[in-house]
Protein backbone atom coordinates (compact mmCIF):
# COMPACT_ATOMS: atom_id res chain seq x y z
CA MET A 1 -6.40 0.93 4.17
CA THR A 2 -5.82 -2.77 4.43
CA LEU A 3 -3.12 -5.01 3.06
CA LYS A 4 -4.10 -8.31 1.42
CA GLN A 5 -2.65 -11.02 3.65
CA GLU A 6 -2.31 -13.30 0.66
CA SER A 7 0.08 -10.84 -0.96
CA ILE A 8 2.15 -10.47 2.20
CA ASP A 9 2.27 -14.21 2.72
CA GLN A 10 3.58 -14.69 -0.84
CA ILE A 11 6.45 -12.28 -0.12
CA LEU A 12 7.25 -14.01 3.18
CA ASN A 13 7.16 -17.42 1.58
CA LEU A 14 9.67 -16.25 -1.13
CA GLY A 15 12.13 -14.58 1.19
CA GLY A 16 10.95 -14.16 4.72
CA VAL A 17 10.86 -11.02 6.75
CA ALA A 18 14.17 -9.85 5.19
CA LEU A 19 12.76 -9.72 1.71
CA LEU A 20 9.53 -8.08 2.86
CA GLY A 21 11.63 -5.44 4.70
CA LYS A 22 13.70 -4.77 1.52
CA MET A 23 10.54 -4.46 -0.61
CA ILE A 24 8.95 -2.06 1.90
CA ASP A 25 12.17 0.02 2.02
CA ALA A 26 12.23 0.20 -1.80
CA PHE A 27 8.57 1.20 -1.90
CA VAL A 28 8.94 3.84 0.69
CA ARG A 29 12.15 5.20 -0.92
CA SER A 30 11.11 5.25 -4.57
CA SER A 31 7.32 5.68 -4.59
CA PRO A 32 7.03 9.21 -3.08
CA GLU A 33 8.62 10.66 -6.19
CA LYS A 34 5.87 9.05 -8.33
CA VAL A 35 3.16 10.60 -6.07
CA THR A 36 4.97 13.97 -6.27
CA ALA A 37 5.25 13.70 -10.03
CA ALA A 38 1.53 13.07 -10.46
CA VAL A 39 0.59 15.87 -8.07
CA GLU A 40 2.99 18.40 -9.69
CA SER A 41 2.06 17.37 -13.26
CA MET A 42 -1.69 17.77 -12.80
CA PRO A 43 -1.85 21.60 -12.75
CA ARG A 44 0.10 21.65 -16.05
CA GLY A 45 -2.36 19.18 -17.52
CA ASP A 46 0.48 16.75 -18.07
CA LEU A 47 -1.67 13.59 -18.16
CA GLU A 48 1.15 11.57 -19.71
CA THR A 49 3.27 11.94 -16.57
CA VAL A 50 0.24 11.32 -14.34
CA ASN A 51 -0.46 8.12 -16.34
CA ARG A 52 3.08 6.88 -16.05
CA SER A 53 3.26 7.67 -12.34
CA ALA A 54 -0.10 5.87 -11.76
CA HIS A 55 1.06 2.80 -13.65
CA SER A 56 4.28 2.45 -11.71
CA LEU A 57 2.45 2.99 -8.40
CA LYS A 58 -0.09 0.35 -9.31
CA SER A 59 2.43 -2.46 -9.68
CA SER A 60 4.28 -1.48 -6.55
CA ALA A 61 1.13 -1.24 -4.43
CA ALA A 62 -0.20 -4.56 -5.86
CA ASN A 63 2.93 -6.34 -4.59
CA PHE A 64 1.73 -5.68 -1.01
CA GLY A 65 -1.97 -6.09 -1.73
CA ALA A 66 -2.70 -2.46 -0.92
CA MET A 67 -5.91 -2.78 -2.95
CA GLN A 68 -7.44 0.60 -2.15
CA LEU A 69 -4.33 2.33 -3.52
CA VAL A 70 -4.26 -0.13 -6.47
CA GLU A 71 -7.89 0.71 -7.27
CA LEU A 72 -7.30 4.46 -7.10
CA VAL A 73 -4.11 4.47 -9.26
CA SER A 74 -5.72 2.01 -11.70
CA GLU A 75 -8.60 4.36 -12.33
CA LEU A 76 -6.22 7.28 -12.42
CA GLU A 77 -4.11 5.53 -15.02
CA ASP A 78 -7.21 4.88 -17.17
CA VAL A 79 -8.71 8.36 -16.93
CA ALA A 80 -5.37 10.06 -17.49
CA ARG A 81 -4.68 7.86 -20.53
CA ASN A 82 -8.18 8.81 -21.90
CA GLY A 83 -7.63 12.52 -21.34
CA ASN A 84 -10.18 13.05 -18.58
CA VAL A 85 -8.57 16.06 -16.89
CA GLU A 86 -11.34 16.65 -14.34
CA ARG A 87 -11.48 13.08 -12.98
CA SER A 88 -7.72 12.89 -13.01
CA ALA A 89 -7.49 15.96 -10.86
CA GLU A 90 -9.98 14.51 -8.36
CA LEU A 91 -8.08 11.27 -8.10
CA VAL A 92 -4.77 13.05 -7.81
CA ARG A 93 -6.05 15.02 -4.91
CA SER A 94 -6.81 11.72 -3.04
CA LEU A 95 -3.53 10.10 -3.94
CA PRO A 96 -1.08 11.54 -1.26
CA GLY A 97 -3.33 10.70 1.62
CA LEU A 98 -4.07 7.14 0.46
CA PHE A 99 -0.39 6.60 -0.32
CA ASP A 100 0.58 7.85 3.21
CA GLU A 101 -1.94 5.33 4.66
CA ALA A 102 -0.35 2.47 2.67
CA VAL A 103 3.11 3.49 3.82
CA GLY A 104 1.94 3.63 7.39
CA LYS A 105 0.39 0.14 7.13
CA LEU A 106 3.54 -1.32 5.63
CA GLN A 107 5.78 0.23 8.35
CA ASP A 108 3.49 -1.06 11.04
CA LEU A 109 3.58 -4.48 9.47
CA ARG A 110 7.29 -4.48 9.31
CA ARG A 111 7.67 -3.44 12.95
CA GLU A 112 5.20 -6.08 13.99
CA LEU A 113 7.12 -8.89 12.06
CA GLU A 114 10.51 -7.75 13.26
CA ALA A 115 9.46 -7.65 16.94
């Protein structure tokens, strides 16, 4: 998992380390519930919830340039919207691990910039 430096630089240019820290905090605080919603909705075949969760995660992850996560949730959003249960389930299985990687990278970045 890598973060796109251009995305990080845009945040830093807008509000410095303080803004980046607030954005990371918001992502870490609010996004796990979206991952959980997608994971818990999949066994019920609730692709509408999976789609909404993926859409929300996509914009949040894109803010930081977490492109691997963006790519996964973009595809998940598309296949869930189109009713592809099998592919949605595959992608949902990968979501928690990739999300945790993104969170780890963001927290490492924050520690590095605040040091």
